[in-house]
C-alpha atoms as a PDB file:
ATOM      1  CA  MET A   1       7.940  -7.366 -12.522  1.00  0.00           C
ATOM      2  CA  GLY A   2       5.542  -8.483 -15.227  1.00  0.00           C
ATOM      3  CA  ILE A   3       3.117  -6.005 -16.726  1.00  0.00           C
ATOM      4  CA  ARG A   4       0.123  -8.239 -16.059  1.00  0.00           C
ATOM      5  CA  ARG A   5       1.109  -8.567 -12.416  1.00  0.00           C
ATOM      6  CA  TYR A   6       1.572  -4.796 -12.120  1.00  0.00           C
ATOM      7  CA  PHE A   7      -1.922  -4.036 -13.454  1.00  0.00           C
ATOM      8  CA  LYS A   8      -3.642  -6.962 -11.691  1.00  0.00           C
ATOM      9  CA  GLY A   9      -6.793  -5.719  -9.992  1.00  0.00           C
ATOM     10  CA  GLY A  10      -6.663  -2.443 -11.928  1.00  0.00           C
ATOM     11  CA  ARG A  11      -9.612  -0.777 -13.568  1.00  0.00           C
ATOM     12  CA  LEU A  12     -10.144   2.199 -15.850  1.00  0.00           C
ATOM     13  CA  VAL A  13     -11.886   5.168 -14.191  1.00  0.00           C
ATOM     14  CA  ARG A  14     -12.603   8.822 -14.897  1.00  0.00           C
ATOM     15  CA  MET A  15     -11.220  11.100 -12.201  1.00  0.00           C
ATOM     16  CA  SER A  16     -13.002  14.217 -10.913  1.00  0.00           C
ATOM     17  CA  ASP A  17     -10.764  16.467 -13.052  1.00  0.00           C
ATOM     18  CA  GLY A  18     -11.910  14.617 -16.202  1.00  0.00           C
ATOM     19  CA  SER A  19      -8.725  12.623 -16.808  1.00  0.00           C
ATOM     20  CA  ARG A  20      -8.672   8.849 -17.140  1.00  0.00           C
ATOM     21  CA  CYS A  21      -6.565   6.597 -14.921  1.00  0.00           C
ATOM     22  CA  ILE A  22      -5.966   2.940 -14.255  1.00  0.00           C
ATOM     23  CA  ILE A  23      -6.339   2.491 -10.506  1.00  0.00           C
ATOM     24  CA  ARG A  24      -6.178  -0.336  -7.980  1.00  0.00           C
ATOM     25  CA  ASP A  25      -8.741  -0.253  -5.187  1.00  0.00           C
ATOM     26  CA  LEU A  26      -7.166  -0.517  -1.728  1.00  0.00           C
ATOM     27  CA  GLY A  27     -10.323  -0.699   0.371  1.00  0.00           C
ATOM     28  CA  LEU A  28     -12.436   1.517   2.558  1.00  0.00           C
ATOM     29  CA  VAL A  29     -11.203   4.608   4.389  1.00  0.00           C
ATOM     30  CA  LYS A  30     -11.636   4.141   8.132  1.00  0.00           C
ATOM     31  CA  GLY A  31     -14.513   6.390   9.230  1.00  0.00           C
ATOM     32  CA  GLY A  32     -14.845   7.714   5.683  1.00  0.00           C
ATOM     33  CA  LYS A  33     -18.574   7.013   5.142  1.00  0.00           C
ATOM     34  CA  GLY A  34     -18.011   4.900   2.043  1.00  0.00           C
ATOM     35  CA  LEU A  35     -14.873   6.622   0.713  1.00  0.00           C
ATOM     36  CA  ARG A  36     -12.226   4.306  -0.690  1.00  0.00           C
ATOM     37  CA  HIS A  37      -8.431   4.380  -0.906  1.00  0.00           C
ATOM     38  CA  PHE A  38      -6.910   3.781  -4.334  1.00  0.00           C
ATOM     39  CA  GLU A  39      -3.489   3.635  -5.961  1.00  0.00           C
ATOM     40  CA  CYS A  40      -3.106   5.328  -9.335  1.00  0.00           C
ATOM     41  CA  LEU A  41      -1.174   2.847 -11.480  1.00  0.00           C
ATOM     42  CA  LEU A  42      -1.160   4.866 -14.709  1.00  0.00           C
ATOM     43  CA  ARG A  43      -2.562   8.290 -15.584  1.00  0.00           C
ATOM     44  CA  LEU A  44      -3.732   8.139 -19.205  1.00  0.00           C
ATOM     45  CA  THR A  45      -2.397  11.506 -20.319  1.00  0.00           C
ATOM     46  CA  VAL A  46       0.677  12.300 -22.379  1.00  0.00           C
ATOM     47  CA  GLU A  47       2.551  13.415 -19.264  1.00  0.00           C
ATOM     48  CA  GLY A  48       1.419  10.406 -17.240  1.00  0.00           C
ATOM     49  CA  VAL A  49       2.416   7.839 -19.852  1.00  0.00           C
ATOM     50  CA  LEU A  50       5.782   9.528 -20.470  1.00  0.00           C
ATOM     51  CA  SER A  51       6.558   9.700 -16.743  1.00  0.00           C
ATOM     52  CA  LYS A  52       5.775   5.980 -16.308  1.00  0.00           C
ATOM     53  CA  PHE A  53       7.975   5.194 -19.329  1.00  0.00           C
ATOM     54  CA  VAL A  54      10.876   7.189 -17.838  1.00  0.00           C
ATOM     55  CA  GLN A  55      10.335   5.442 -14.486  1.00  0.00           C
ATOM     56  CA  VAL A  56      10.574   2.023 -16.158  1.00  0.00           C
ATOM     57  CA  LEU A  57      13.753   3.024 -18.013  1.00  0.00           C
ATOM     58  CA  ARG A  58      15.371   4.254 -14.793  1.00  0.00           C
ATOM     59  CA  LEU A  59      14.451   1.065 -12.962  1.00  0.00           C
ATOM     60  CA  ASP A  60      15.819  -0.992 -15.853  1.00  0.00           C
ATOM     61  CA  ARG A  61      19.129   0.889 -15.719  1.00  0.00           C
ATOM     62  CA  LYS A  62      19.344   0.730 -11.921  1.00  0.00           C
ATOM     63  CA  HIS A  63      18.647  -3.024 -11.654  1.00  0.00           C
ATOM     64  CA  PRO A  64      19.780  -4.696 -14.894  1.00  0.00           C
ATOM     65  CA  GLU A  65      19.918  -8.073 -13.122  1.00  0.00           C
ATOM     66  CA  ASP A  66      16.121  -8.074 -12.856  1.00  0.00           C
ATOM     67  CA  ARG A  67      15.882  -8.609 -16.607  1.00  0.00           C
ATOM     68  CA  ARG A  68      17.607 -11.985 -16.766  1.00  0.00           C
ATOM     69  CA  PRO A  69      17.123 -13.968 -13.549  1.00  0.00           C
ATOM     70  CA  SER A  70      18.279 -17.241 -15.104  1.00  0.00           C
ATOM     71  CA  GLU A  71      21.679 -15.787 -16.031  1.00  0.00           C
ATOM     72  CA  ILE A  72      22.169 -14.390 -12.544  1.00  0.00           C
ATOM     73  CA  ALA A  73      21.261 -17.705 -10.933  1.00  0.00           C
ATOM     74  CA  LEU A  74      23.873 -19.421 -13.089  1.00  0.00           C
ATOM     75  CA  ALA A  75      26.501 -16.803 -12.203  1.00  0.00           C
ATOM     76  CA  ARG A  76      25.865 -17.293  -8.482  1.00  0.00           C
ATOM     77  CA  LEU A  77      26.396 -21.049  -8.581  1.00  0.00           C
ATOM     78  CA  PRO A  78      29.732 -22.128  -7.101  1.00  0.00           C
ATOM     79  CA  ARG A  79      32.161 -23.278  -9.745  1.00  0.00           C
ATOM     80  CA  SER A  80      33.371 -26.830  -9.366  1.00  0.00           C
ATOM     81  CA  ARG A  81      37.097 -27.408  -9.109  1.00  0.00           C
ATOM     82  CA  GLU A  82      38.559 -29.327 -11.948  1.00  0.00           C
ATOM     83  CA  ARG A  83      40.609 -32.412 -11.098  1.00  0.00           C
ATOM     84  CA  GLU A  84      44.286 -32.164 -11.859  1.00  0.00           C
END
């Protein structure tokens, strides 16, 4: 997943506790009188940045094939039989 695609639609906001976050707006809450759902993409604190970094490293270790899709596509191609 590309970093630009991950943060697409994100915006920097100040939360009610005073911290800063990058969030993605998910729309209105049903019956919420103007309240909105959001997804916190990145909390801009030391703990938040470190936890996202650890999450990316774990994902990278769990799915190493996601890093090089062209190599995997080549490995999945059937090998042609050589003529004798």
